[in-house]
Amino acid sequence: MAFVKAANKDEIPPGAIREIEFEGRAIALANVDGKFYAINGVCLHVGGPIGEGEMNGTTVTCPWHGWEYDVTTGKLLANPSEGVQSFPVEVRGDEIFVDIGI
């Protein structure tokens, strides 16, 4: 596992999601009630930026065409057999680290 620093906790308040770039990969980093989750930030539909979507609970809606994902698993709400990759997250003090397999 290769955890890399993604952000500071105060950069992603509860109920927010942000797009983070690592090695040319977009990762959507979400804060659900103080717990952080990371999923692939590229929508399965036409590559929209999931990390720029709107959060509602554990659901993020892609801003391009409205596809909805569960940020805790990366699964599509309309078809849970499909989804984007999710990544392990660790909080160390005030810093958030994500293991994207680098």
PDB file of N, CA and C in Angstrom:
ATOM      1  N   MET A   1       0.836  -1.189   0.000  1.00  0.00           N
ATOM      2  CA  MET A   1       0.000   0.000   0.000  1.00  0.00           C
ATOM      3  C   MET A   1       0.872   1.240   0.000  1.00  0.00           C
ATOM      4  N   ALA A   2       0.467   2.195  -0.803  1.00  0.00           N
ATOM      5  CA  ALA A   2       1.223   3.437  -0.903  1.00  0.00           C
ATOM      6  C   ALA A   2       0.281   4.613  -0.665  1.00  0.00           C
ATOM      7  N   PHE A   3       0.145   4.977   0.577  1.00  0.00           N
ATOM      8  CA  PHE A   3      -0.714   6.108   0.912  1.00  0.00           C
ATOM      9  C   PHE A   3      -0.006   7.407   0.558  1.00  0.00           C
ATOM     10  N   VAL A   4      -0.758   8.321  -0.056  1.00  0.00           N
ATOM     11  CA  VAL A   4      -0.237   9.644  -0.391  1.00  0.00           C
ATOM     12  C   VAL A   4      -1.148  10.686   0.233  1.00  0.00           C
ATOM     13  N   LYS A   5      -0.551  11.816   0.637  1.00  0.00           N
ATOM     14  CA  LYS A   5      -1.345  12.874   1.232  1.00  0.00           C
ATOM     15  C   LYS A   5      -2.271  13.467   0.177  1.00  0.00           C
ATOM     16  N   ALA A   6      -3.571  13.543   0.522  1.00  0.00           N
ATOM     17  CA  ALA A   6      -4.565  14.058  -0.408  1.00  0.00           C
ATOM     18  C   ALA A   6      -5.008  15.470  -0.055  1.00  0.00           C
ATOM     19  N   ALA A   7      -5.147  15.748   1.242  1.00  0.00           N
ATOM     20  CA  ALA A   7      -5.675  17.045   1.670  1.00  0.00           C
ATOM     21  C   ALA A   7      -5.551  17.165   3.181  1.00  0.00           C
ATOM     22  N   ASN A   8      -5.840  18.343   3.681  1.00  0.00           N
ATOM     23  CA  ASN A   8      -6.006  18.555   5.116  1.00  0.00           C
ATOM     24  C   ASN A   8      -7.494  18.426   5.421  1.00  0.00           C
ATOM     25  N   LYS A   9      -7.811  17.976   6.624  1.00  0.00           N
ATOM     26  CA  LYS A   9      -9.213  17.772   6.999  1.00  0.00           C
ATOM     27  C   LYS A   9     -10.059  19.028   6.822  1.00  0.00           C
ATOM     28  N   ASP A  10      -9.498  20.194   7.141  1.00  0.00           N
ATOM     29  CA  ASP A  10     -10.290  21.421   7.065  1.00  0.00           C
ATOM     30  C   ASP A  10     -10.590  21.866   5.632  1.00  0.00           C
ATOM     31  N   GLU A  11      -9.956  21.240   4.641  1.00  0.00           N
ATOM     32  CA  GLU A  11     -10.212  21.578   3.239  1.00  0.00           C
ATOM     33  C   GLU A  11     -11.497  20.941   2.714  1.00  0.00           C
ATOM     34  N   ILE A  12     -11.991  19.901   3.408  1.00  0.00           N
ATOM     35  CA  ILE A  12     -13.181  19.187   2.963  1.00  0.00           C
ATOM     36  C   ILE A  12     -14.134  19.068   4.152  1.00  0.00           C
ATOM     37  N   PRO A  13     -14.992  20.059   4.347  1.00  0.00           N
ATOM     38  CA  PRO A  13     -15.909  20.043   5.488  1.00  0.00           C
ATOM     39  C   PRO A  13     -16.966  18.948   5.349  1.00  0.00           C
ATOM     40  N   PRO A  14     -17.634  18.587   6.441  1.00  0.00           N
ATOM     41  CA  PRO A  14     -18.700  17.575   6.358  1.00  0.00           C
ATOM     42  C   PRO A  14     -19.728  17.938   5.287  1.00  0.00           C
ATOM     43  N   GLY A  15     -20.100  16.933   4.499  1.00  0.00           N
ATOM     44  CA  GLY A  15     -21.070  17.117   3.427  1.00  0.00           C
ATOM     45  C   GLY A  15     -20.474  17.598   2.124  1.00  0.00           C
ATOM     46  N   ALA A  16     -19.146  17.706   2.071  1.00  0.00           N
ATOM     47  CA  ALA A  16     -18.481  18.215   0.862  1.00  0.00           C
ATOM     48  C   ALA A  16     -17.720  17.102   0.145  1.00  0.00           C
ATOM     49  N   ILE A  17     -17.459  17.353  -1.134  1.00  0.00           N
ATOM     50  CA  ILE A  17     -16.630  16.466  -1.954  1.00  0.00           C
ATOM     51  C   ILE A  17     -15.721  17.347  -2.789  1.00  0.00           C
ATOM     52  N   ARG A  18     -14.505  16.882  -3.033  1.00  0.00           N
ATOM     53  CA  ARG A  18     -13.532  17.642  -3.817  1.00  0.00           C
ATOM     54  C   ARG A  18     -12.814  16.705  -4.777  1.00  0.00           C
ATOM     55  N   GLU A  19     -12.401  17.249  -5.903  1.00  0.00           N
ATOM     56  CA  GLU A  19     -11.584  16.488  -6.844  1.00  0.00           C
ATOM     57  C   GLU A  19     -10.125  16.728  -6.521  1.00  0.00           C
ATOM     58  N   ILE A  20      -9.378  15.643  -6.390  1.00  0.00           N
ATOM     59  CA  ILE A  20      -7.946  15.677  -6.104  1.00  0.00           C
ATOM     60  C   ILE A  20      -7.242  14.954  -7.247  1.00  0.00           C
ATOM     61  N   GLU A  21      -6.119  15.504  -7.709  1.00  0.00           N
ATOM     62  CA  GLU A  21      -5.346  14.880  -8.793  1.00  0.00           C
ATOM     63  C   GLU A  21      -4.094  14.204  -8.236  1.00  0.00           C
ATOM     64  N   PHE A  22      -3.878  12.934  -8.648  1.00  0.00           N
ATOM     65  CA  PHE A  22      -2.655  12.192  -8.313  1.00  0.00           C
ATOM     66  C   PHE A  22      -2.141  11.510  -9.561  1.00  0.00           C
ATOM     67  N   GLU A  23      -0.911  11.782  -9.926  1.00  0.00           N
ATOM     68  CA  GLU A  23      -0.289  11.080 -11.056  1.00  0.00           C
ATOM     69  C   GLU A  23      -1.219  11.022 -12.266  1.00  0.00           C
ATOM     70  N   GLY A  24      -1.924  12.116 -12.546  1.00  0.00           N
ATOM     71  CA  GLY A  24      -2.818  12.180 -13.686  1.00  0.00           C
ATOM     72  C   GLY A  24      -4.164  11.513 -13.482  1.00  0.00           C
ATOM     73  N   ARG A  25      -4.438  11.049 -12.266  1.00  0.00           N
ATOM     74  CA  ARG A  25      -5.714  10.396 -11.964  1.00  0.00           C
ATOM     75  C   ARG A  25      -6.585  11.323 -11.124  1.00  0.00           C
ATOM     76  N   ALA A  26      -7.860  11.393 -11.437  1.00  0.00           N
ATOM     77  CA  ALA A  26      -8.802  12.193 -10.658  1.00  0.00           C
ATOM     78  C   ALA A  26      -9.427  11.316  -9.584  1.00  0.00           C
ATOM     79  N   ILE A  27      -9.346  11.784  -8.352  1.00  0.00           N
ATOM     80  CA  ILE A  27      -9.937  11.091  -7.208  1.00  0.00           C
ATOM     81  C   ILE A  27     -10.958  12.031  -6.580  1.00  0.00           C
ATOM     82  N   ALA A  28     -12.144  11.505  -6.268  1.00  0.00           N
ATOM     83  CA  ALA A  28     -13.168  12.281  -5.567  1.00  0.00           C
ATOM     84  C   ALA A  28     -13.055  11.937  -4.084  1.00  0.00           C
ATOM     85  N   LEU A  29     -12.752  12.943  -3.267  1.00  0.00           N
ATOM     86  CA  LEU A  29     -12.559  12.767  -1.831  1.00  0.00           C
ATOM     87  C   LEU A  29     -13.725  13.416  -1.110  1.00  0.00           C
ATOM     88  N   ALA A  30     -14.491  12.621  -0.345  1.00  0.00           N
ATOM     89  CA  ALA A  30     -15.726  13.087   0.286  1.00  0.00           C
ATOM     90  C   ALA A  30     -15.649  12.983   1.804  1.00  0.00           C
ATOM     91  N   ASN A  31     -16.358  13.893   2.467  1.00  0.00           N
ATOM     92  CA  ASN A  31     -16.483  13.898   3.923  1.00  0.00           C
ATOM     93  C   ASN A  31     -17.953  13.656   4.256  1.00  0.00           C
ATOM     94  N   VAL A  32     -18.233  12.498   4.844  1.00  0.00           N
ATOM     95  CA  VAL A  32     -19.585  12.149   5.275  1.00  0.00           C
ATOM     96  C   VAL A  32     -19.583  12.125   6.795  1.00  0.00           C
ATOM     97  N   ASP A  33     -20.117  13.194   7.385  1.00  0.00           N
ATOM     98  CA  ASP A  33     -20.206  13.302   8.849  1.00  0.00           C
ATOM     99  C   ASP A  33     -18.865  13.071   9.546  1.00  0.00           C
ATOM    100  N   GLY A  34     -17.785  13.598   8.966  1.00  0.00           N
ATOM    101  CA  GLY A  34     -16.472  13.490   9.584  1.00  0.00           C
ATOM    102  C   GLY A  34     -15.674  12.268   9.189  1.00  0.00           C
ATOM    103  N   LYS A  35     -16.244  11.380   8.408  1.00  0.00           N
ATOM    104  CA  LYS A  35     -15.523  10.208   7.907  1.00  0.00           C
ATOM    105  C   LYS A  35     -15.246  10.441   6.422  1.00  0.00           C
ATOM    106  N   PHE A  36     -14.021  10.136   6.010  1.00  0.00           N
ATOM    107  CA  PHE A  36     -13.594  10.440   4.646  1.00  0.00           C
ATOM    108  C   PHE A  36     -13.594   9.190   3.771  1.00  0.00           C
ATOM    109  N   TYR A  37     -13.999   9.392   2.517  1.00  0.00           N
ATOM    110  CA  TYR A  37     -14.067   8.323   1.520  1.00  0.00           C
ATOM    111  C   TYR A  37     -13.447   8.830   0.224  1.00  0.00           C
ATOM    112  N   ALA A  38     -12.831   7.912  -0.529  1.00  0.00           N
ATOM    113  CA  ALA A  38     -12.224   8.267  -1.810  1.00  0.00           C
ATOM    114  C   ALA A  38     -12.677   7.270  -2.871  1.00  0.00           C
ATOM    115  N   ILE A  39     -13.120   7.813  -4.011  1.00  0.00           N
ATOM    116  CA  ILE A  39     -13.495   6.987  -5.151  1.00  0.00           C
ATOM    117  C   ILE A  39     -12.876   7.576  -6.412  1.00  0.00           C
ATOM    118  N   ASN A  40     -12.812   6.758  -7.457  1.00  0.00           N
ATOM    119  CA  ASN A  40     -12.351   7.253  -8.752  1.00  0.00           C
ATOM    120  C   ASN A  40     -13.244   8.425  -9.134  1.00  0.00           C
ATOM    121  N   GLY A  41     -12.645   9.518  -9.578  1.00  0.00           N
ATOM    122  CA  GLY A  41     -13.393  10.733  -9.849  1.00  0.00           C
ATOM    123  C   GLY A  41     -13.919  10.872 -11.259  1.00  0.00           C
ATOM    124  N   VAL A  42     -13.857   9.812 -12.062  1.00  0.00           N
ATOM    125  CA  VAL A  42     -14.307   9.884 -13.453  1.00  0.00           C
ATOM    126  C   VAL A  42     -15.593   9.070 -13.603  1.00  0.00           C
ATOM    127  N   CYS A  43     -16.671   9.755 -13.971  1.00  0.00           N
ATOM    128  CA  CYS A  43     -17.975   9.116 -14.130  1.00  0.00           C
ATOM    129  C   CYS A  43     -17.929   8.059 -15.236  1.00  0.00           C
ATOM    130  N   LEU A  44     -18.633   6.959 -15.009  1.00  0.00           N
ATOM    131  CA  LEU A  44     -18.685   5.882 -15.999  1.00  0.00           C
ATOM    132  C   LEU A  44     -19.434   6.274 -17.264  1.00  0.00           C
ATOM    133  N   HIS A  45     -20.292   7.261 -17.185  1.00  0.00           N
ATOM    134  CA  HIS A  45     -21.126   7.617 -18.330  1.00  0.00           C
ATOM    135  C   HIS A  45     -20.292   8.205 -19.471  1.00  0.00           C
ATOM    136  N   VAL A  46     -19.826   9.443 -19.322  1.00  0.00           N
ATOM    137  CA  VAL A  46     -18.978  10.045 -20.351  1.00  0.00           C
ATOM    138  C   VAL A  46     -17.786  10.770 -19.736  1.00  0.00           C
ATOM    139  N   GLY A  47     -17.340  10.296 -18.575  1.00  0.00           N
ATOM    140  CA  GLY A  47     -16.125  10.839 -17.988  1.00  0.00           C
ATOM    141  C   GLY A  47     -16.286  12.128 -17.217  1.00  0.00           C
ATOM    142  N   GLY A  48     -17.489  12.420 -16.749  1.00  0.00           N
ATOM    143  CA  GLY A  48     -17.717  13.644 -15.981  1.00  0.00           C
ATOM    144  C   GLY A  48     -16.942  13.658 -14.675  1.00  0.00           C
ATOM    145  N   PRO A  49     -16.747  14.846 -14.104  1.00  0.00           N
ATOM    146  CA  PRO A  49     -15.956  15.012 -12.873  1.00  0.00           C
ATOM    147  C   PRO A  49     -16.792  14.774 -11.610  1.00  0.00           C
ATOM    148  N   ILE A  50     -16.799  13.548 -11.117  1.00  0.00           N
ATOM    149  CA  ILE A  50     -17.598  13.205  -9.942  1.00  0.00           C
ATOM    150  C   ILE A  50     -17.258  14.115  -8.757  1.00  0.00           C
ATOM    151  N   GLY A  51     -15.987  14.446  -8.597  1.00  0.00           N
ATOM    152  CA  GLY A  51     -15.553  15.277  -7.476  1.00  0.00           C
ATOM    153  C   GLY A  51     -16.068  16.697  -7.506  1.00  0.00           C
ATOM    154  N   GLU A  52     -16.702  17.106  -8.599  1.00  0.00           N
ATOM    155  CA  GLU A  52     -17.310  18.426  -8.695  1.00  0.00           C
ATOM    156  C   GLU A  52     -18.823  18.358  -8.526  1.00  0.00           C
ATOM    157  N   GLY A  53     -19.326  17.170  -8.177  1.00  0.00           N
ATOM    158  CA  GLY A  53     -20.757  16.971  -8.035  1.00  0.00           C
ATOM    159  C   GLY A  53     -21.307  17.458  -6.712  1.00  0.00           C
ATOM    160  N   GLU A  54     -22.618  17.309  -6.563  1.00  0.00           N
ATOM    161  CA  GLU A  54     -23.320  17.695  -5.336  1.00  0.00           C
ATOM    162  C   GLU A  54     -23.452  16.478  -4.433  1.00  0.00           C
ATOM    163  N   MET A  55     -23.195  16.710  -3.133  1.00  0.00           N
ATOM    164  CA  MET A  55     -23.326  15.650  -2.131  1.00  0.00           C
ATOM    165  C   MET A  55     -24.669  15.763  -1.425  1.00  0.00           C
ATOM    166  N   ASN A  56     -25.271  14.609  -1.144  1.00  0.00           N
ATOM    167  CA  ASN A  56     -26.467  14.523  -0.329  1.00  0.00           C
ATOM    168  C   ASN A  56     -26.342  13.236   0.479  1.00  0.00           C
ATOM    169  N   GLY A  57     -25.945  13.351   1.744  1.00  0.00           N
ATOM    170  CA  GLY A  57     -25.679  12.160   2.547  1.00  0.00           C
ATOM    171  C   GLY A  57     -24.468  11.432   2.008  1.00  0.00           C
ATOM    172  N   THR A  58     -24.667  10.163   1.618  1.00  0.00           N
ATOM    173  CA  THR A  58     -23.572   9.384   1.040  1.00  0.00           C
ATOM    174  C   THR A  58     -23.631   9.350  -0.488  1.00  0.00           C
ATOM    175  N   THR A  59     -24.531  10.135  -1.068  1.00  0.00           N
ATOM    176  CA  THR A  59     -24.717  10.141  -2.519  1.00  0.00           C
ATOM    177  C   THR A  59     -24.084  11.381  -3.141  1.00  0.00           C
ATOM    178  N   VAL A  60     -23.308  11.147  -4.208  1.00  0.00           N
ATOM    179  CA  VAL A  60     -22.797  12.261  -5.010  1.00  0.00           C
ATOM    180  C   VAL A  60     -23.400  12.127  -6.404  1.00  0.00           C
ATOM    181  N   THR A  61     -23.810  13.266  -6.953  1.00  0.00           N
ATOM    182  CA  THR A  61     -24.408  13.300  -8.282  1.00  0.00           C
ATOM    183  C   THR A  61     -23.423  13.936  -9.252  1.00  0.00           C
ATOM    184  N   CYS A  62     -23.078  13.211 -10.314  1.00  0.00           N
ATOM    185  CA  CYS A  62     -22.170  13.743 -11.331  1.00  0.00           C
ATOM    186  C   CYS A  62     -22.808  14.989 -11.943  1.00  0.00           C
ATOM    187  N   PRO A  63     -22.047  16.086 -12.037  1.00  0.00           N
ATOM    188  CA  PRO A  63     -22.632  17.337 -12.531  1.00  0.00           C
ATOM    189  C   PRO A  63     -22.961  17.339 -14.024  1.00  0.00           C
ATOM    190  N   TRP A  64     -22.450  16.402 -14.775  1.00  0.00           N
ATOM    191  CA  TRP A  64     -22.695  16.429 -16.217  1.00  0.00           C
ATOM    192  C   TRP A  64     -24.059  15.858 -16.599  1.00  0.00           C
ATOM    193  N   HIS A  65     -24.396  14.655 -16.105  1.00  0.00           N
ATOM    194  CA  HIS A  65     -25.638  14.017 -16.547  1.00  0.00           C
ATOM    195  C   HIS A  65     -26.420  13.363 -15.417  1.00  0.00           C
ATOM    196  N   GLY A  66     -26.042  13.655 -14.180  1.00  0.00           N
ATOM    197  CA  GLY A  66     -26.852  13.228 -13.047  1.00  0.00           C
ATOM    198  C   GLY A  66     -26.698  11.797 -12.573  1.00  0.00           C
ATOM    199  N   TRP A  67     -25.673  11.094 -13.017  1.00  0.00           N
ATOM    200  CA  TRP A  67     -25.466   9.742 -12.500  1.00  0.00           C
ATOM    201  C   TRP A  67     -25.098   9.842 -11.027  1.00  0.00           C
ATOM    202  N   GLU A  68     -25.693   8.972 -10.203  1.00  0.00           N
ATOM    203  CA  GLU A  68     -25.506   9.026  -8.756  1.00  0.00           C
ATOM    204  C   GLU A  68     -24.675   7.846  -8.262  1.00  0.00           C
ATOM    205  N   TYR A  69     -23.721   8.172  -7.385  1.00  0.00           N
ATOM    206  CA  TYR A  69     -22.814   7.177  -6.818  1.00  0.00           C
ATOM    207  C   TYR A  69     -22.879   7.233  -5.299  1.00  0.00           C
ATOM    208  N   ASP A  70     -22.667   6.074  -4.671  1.00  0.00           N
ATOM    209  CA  ASP A  70     -22.490   6.006  -3.220  1.00  0.00           C
ATOM    210  C   ASP A  70     -21.008   6.234  -2.954  1.00  0.00           C
ATOM    211  N   VAL A  71     -20.662   7.318  -2.261  1.00  0.00           N
ATOM    212  CA  VAL A  71     -19.251   7.642  -2.042  1.00  0.00           C
ATOM    213  C   VAL A  71     -18.569   6.651  -1.102  1.00  0.00           C
ATOM    214  N   THR A  72     -19.337   5.886  -0.335  1.00  0.00           N
ATOM    215  CA  THR A  72     -18.726   4.924   0.589  1.00  0.00           C
ATOM    216  C   THR A  72     -18.270   3.652  -0.115  1.00  0.00           C
ATOM    217  N   THR A  73     -18.826   3.389  -1.318  1.00  0.00           N
ATOM    218  CA  THR A  73     -18.491   2.161  -2.048  1.00  0.00           C
ATOM    219  C   THR A  73     -18.078   2.400  -3.498  1.00  0.00           C
ATOM    220  N   GLY A  74     -18.480   3.527  -4.074  1.00  0.00           N
ATOM    221  CA  GLY A  74     -18.250   3.796  -5.492  1.00  0.00           C
ATOM    222  C   GLY A  74     -19.325   3.223  -6.390  1.00  0.00           C
ATOM    223  N   LYS A  75     -20.322   2.536  -5.830  1.00  0.00           N
ATOM    224  CA  LYS A  75     -21.364   1.884  -6.620  1.00  0.00           C
ATOM    225  C   LYS A  75     -22.392   2.883  -7.149  1.00  0.00           C
ATOM    226  N   LEU A  76     -22.905   2.596  -8.344  1.00  0.00           N
ATOM    227  CA  LEU A  76     -23.997   3.375  -8.923  1.00  0.00           C
ATOM    228  C   LEU A  76     -25.276   3.080  -8.143  1.00  0.00           C
ATOM    229  N   LEU A  77     -26.048   4.100  -7.832  1.00  0.00           N
ATOM    230  CA  LEU A  77     -27.303   3.862  -7.119  1.00  0.00           C
ATOM    231  C   LEU A  77     -28.308   3.142  -8.008  1.00  0.00           C
ATOM    232  N   ALA A  78     -28.352   3.475  -9.300  1.00  0.00           N
ATOM    233  CA  ALA A  78     -29.306   2.870 -10.222  1.00  0.00           C
ATOM    234  C   ALA A  78     -28.963   1.422 -10.565  1.00  0.00           C
ATOM    235  N   ASN A  79     -27.694   1.043 -10.408  1.00  0.00           N
ATOM    236  CA  ASN A  79     -27.248  -0.310 -10.748  1.00  0.00           C
ATOM    237  C   ASN A  79     -26.055  -0.662  -9.864  1.00  0.00           C
ATOM    238  N   PRO A  80     -26.300  -1.135  -8.635  1.00  0.00           N
ATOM    239  CA  PRO A  80     -25.203  -1.403  -7.694  1.00  0.00           C
ATOM    240  C   PRO A  80     -24.198  -2.470  -8.131  1.00  0.00           C
ATOM    241  N   SER A  81     -24.479  -3.171  -9.232  1.00  0.00           N
ATOM    242  CA  SER A  81     -23.484  -4.127  -9.728  1.00  0.00           C
ATOM    243  C   SER A  81     -22.374  -3.423 -10.506  1.00  0.00           C
ATOM    244  N   GLU A  82     -22.573  -2.122 -10.780  1.00  0.00           N
ATOM    245  CA  GLU A  82     -21.582  -1.306 -11.485  1.00  0.00           C
ATOM    246  C   GLU A  82     -21.118  -0.164 -10.587  1.00  0.00           C
ATOM    247  N   GLY A  83     -19.952   0.354 -10.884  1.00  0.00           N
ATOM    248  CA  GLY A  83     -19.462   1.494 -10.116  1.00  0.00           C
ATOM    249  C   GLY A  83     -18.017   1.817 -10.452  1.00  0.00           C
ATOM    250  N   VAL A  84     -17.489   2.777  -9.723  1.00  0.00           N
ATOM    251  CA  VAL A  84     -16.089   3.173  -9.871  1.00  0.00           C
ATOM    252  C   VAL A  84     -15.301   2.614  -8.691  1.00  0.00           C
ATOM    253  N   GLN A  85     -14.006   2.564  -8.846  1.00  0.00           N
ATOM    254  CA  GLN A  85     -13.133   2.032  -7.804  1.00  0.00           C
ATOM    255  C   GLN A  85     -13.155   2.919  -6.564  1.00  0.00           C
ATOM    256  N   SER A  86     -13.152   2.281  -5.404  1.00  0.00           N
ATOM    257  CA  SER A  86     -12.995   3.024  -4.151  1.00  0.00           C
ATOM    258  C   SER A  86     -11.591   2.745  -3.617  1.00  0.00           C
ATOM    259  N   PHE A  87     -11.083   3.666  -2.798  1.00  0.00           N
ATOM    260  CA  PHE A  87      -9.714   3.583  -2.306  1.00  0.00           C
ATOM    261  C   PHE A  87      -9.684   3.696  -0.785  1.00  0.00           C
ATOM    262  N   PRO A  88      -8.759   2.987  -0.126  1.00  0.00           N
ATOM    263  CA  PRO A  88      -8.603   3.120   1.317  1.00  0.00           C
ATOM    264  C   PRO A  88      -8.172   4.536   1.699  1.00  0.00           C
ATOM    265  N   VAL A  89      -8.698   5.018   2.817  1.00  0.00           N
ATOM    266  CA  VAL A  89      -8.389   6.354   3.326  1.00  0.00           C
ATOM    267  C   VAL A  89      -7.932   6.239   4.768  1.00  0.00           C
ATOM    268  N   GLU A  90      -6.915   7.010   5.133  1.00  0.00           N
ATOM    269  CA  GLU A  90      -6.445   7.110   6.514  1.00  0.00           C
ATOM    270  C   GLU A  90      -6.376   8.580   6.893  1.00  0.00           C
ATOM    271  N   VAL A  91      -6.798   8.886   8.118  1.00  0.00           N
ATOM    272  CA  VAL A  91      -6.640  10.226   8.661  1.00  0.00           C
ATOM    273  C   VAL A  91      -5.531  10.155   9.690  1.00  0.00           C
ATOM    274  N   ARG A  92      -4.536  11.006   9.512  1.00  0.00           N
ATOM    275  CA  ARG A  92      -3.390  11.070  10.427  1.00  0.00           C
ATOM    276  C   ARG A  92      -3.311  12.498  10.938  1.00  0.00           C
ATOM    277  N   GLY A  93      -3.802  12.688  12.149  1.00  0.00           N
ATOM    278  CA  GLY A  93      -3.860  14.036  12.694  1.00  0.00           C
ATOM    279  C   GLY A  93      -4.844  14.855  11.883  1.00  0.00           C
ATOM    280  N   ASP A  94      -4.371  15.939  11.283  1.00  0.00           N
ATOM    281  CA  ASP A  94      -5.225  16.805  10.464  1.00  0.00           C
ATOM    282  C   ASP A  94      -5.070  16.539   8.970  1.00  0.00           C
ATOM    283  N   GLU A  95      -4.371  15.473   8.611  1.00  0.00           N
ATOM    284  CA  GLU A  95      -4.119  15.170   7.199  1.00  0.00           C
ATOM    285  C   GLU A  95      -4.851  13.923   6.752  1.00  0.00           C
ATOM    286  N   ILE A  96      -5.289  13.928   5.483  1.00  0.00           N
ATOM    287  CA  ILE A  96      -5.999  12.813   4.881  1.00  0.00           C
ATOM    288  C   ILE A  96      -5.074  12.165   3.860  1.00  0.00           C
ATOM    289  N   PHE A  97      -4.929  10.841   3.956  1.00  0.00           N
ATOM    290  CA  PHE A  97      -4.095  10.078   3.038  1.00  0.00           C
ATOM    291  C   PHE A  97      -4.965   9.051   2.301  1.00  0.00           C
ATOM    292  N   VAL A  98      -4.682   8.863   1.021  1.00  0.00           N
ATOM    293  CA  VAL A  98      -5.422   7.927   0.186  1.00  0.00           C
ATOM    294  C   VAL A  98      -4.437   6.949  -0.434  1.00  0.00           C
ATOM    295  N   ASP A  99      -4.803   5.660  -0.452  1.00  0.00           N
ATOM    296  CA  ASP A  99      -3.989   4.642  -1.105  1.00  0.00           C
ATOM    297  C   ASP A  99      -4.553   4.404  -2.494  1.00  0.00           C
ATOM    298  N   ILE A 100      -3.904   4.958  -3.509  1.00  0.00           N
ATOM    299  CA  ILE A 100      -4.370   4.773  -4.885  1.00  0.00           C
ATOM    300  C   ILE A 100      -3.498   3.776  -5.637  1.00  0.00           C
ATOM    301  N   GLY A 101      -2.704   3.016  -4.892  1.00  0.00           N
ATOM    302  CA  GLY A 101      -1.925   1.949  -5.497  1.00  0.00           C
ATOM    303  C   GLY A 101      -0.686   2.376  -6.244  1.00  0.00           C
ATOM    304  N   ILE A 102      -0.166   3.538  -5.965  1.00  0.00           N
ATOM    305  CA  ILE A 102       1.059   3.993  -6.632  1.00  0.00           C
ATOM    306  C   ILE A 102       2.253   3.277  -6.016  1.00  0.00           C
TER     307      ILE A 102
END
